[in-house]
Amino acid sequence: MWVNPAISTGEPVPDVTHVAVNKVRSSFQSVLLQASSNNRNPDNFTDEIRVAGSWEEALGLPPLSVSENELASSLKIFPNPARDYFDIKTNNVEISSVELFNVLGSKVLTTSTNRLNVSGLTSGVYFAKINADGASVTRKIIIE
């Protein structure tokens, strides 16, 4: 438990621990906040109380996690390398748009179909950005 900790990126050492029969407890059932005063300082103010199971939770940070991109795991692009066209296949995901970029980052082609005609493009490396269901995936495409 921390009492009036400095909010920083690093977790401070807890200020309060409870030791019972040579055992340090990491959890508390209750906490009593008691205000007392003396003649020199009659007022006590509580600015903020945070109750949390971890320092990250006390700061309001989300737990670390990586969500799986369903589009990325179901995406197949073939043939690659391509000559005249390439197809994009997904499992149960409808493609909303496909953008093709050259290595300089210029958009050279945009479509909403699963088959792209690349016969008019010069040979080289391109990047296809596939957008579907609020997600996007970028894949390297080689055109011969």
Foldseek 3Di string as FASTA:
>chain_A
DDDPDDDDPDDDDHPDWDADPNDTDLDDPDDDDDDDDDPVGHDDDDDDDFDDSDPCVSVVHDDDDDDDDQFVVFWDKDDAQAEFKIFIDGDPWQWQKKWKAAPVGDTDDIDRHRMDGCNPPDFDKIWIWIDTPNDIDIDIGTYD
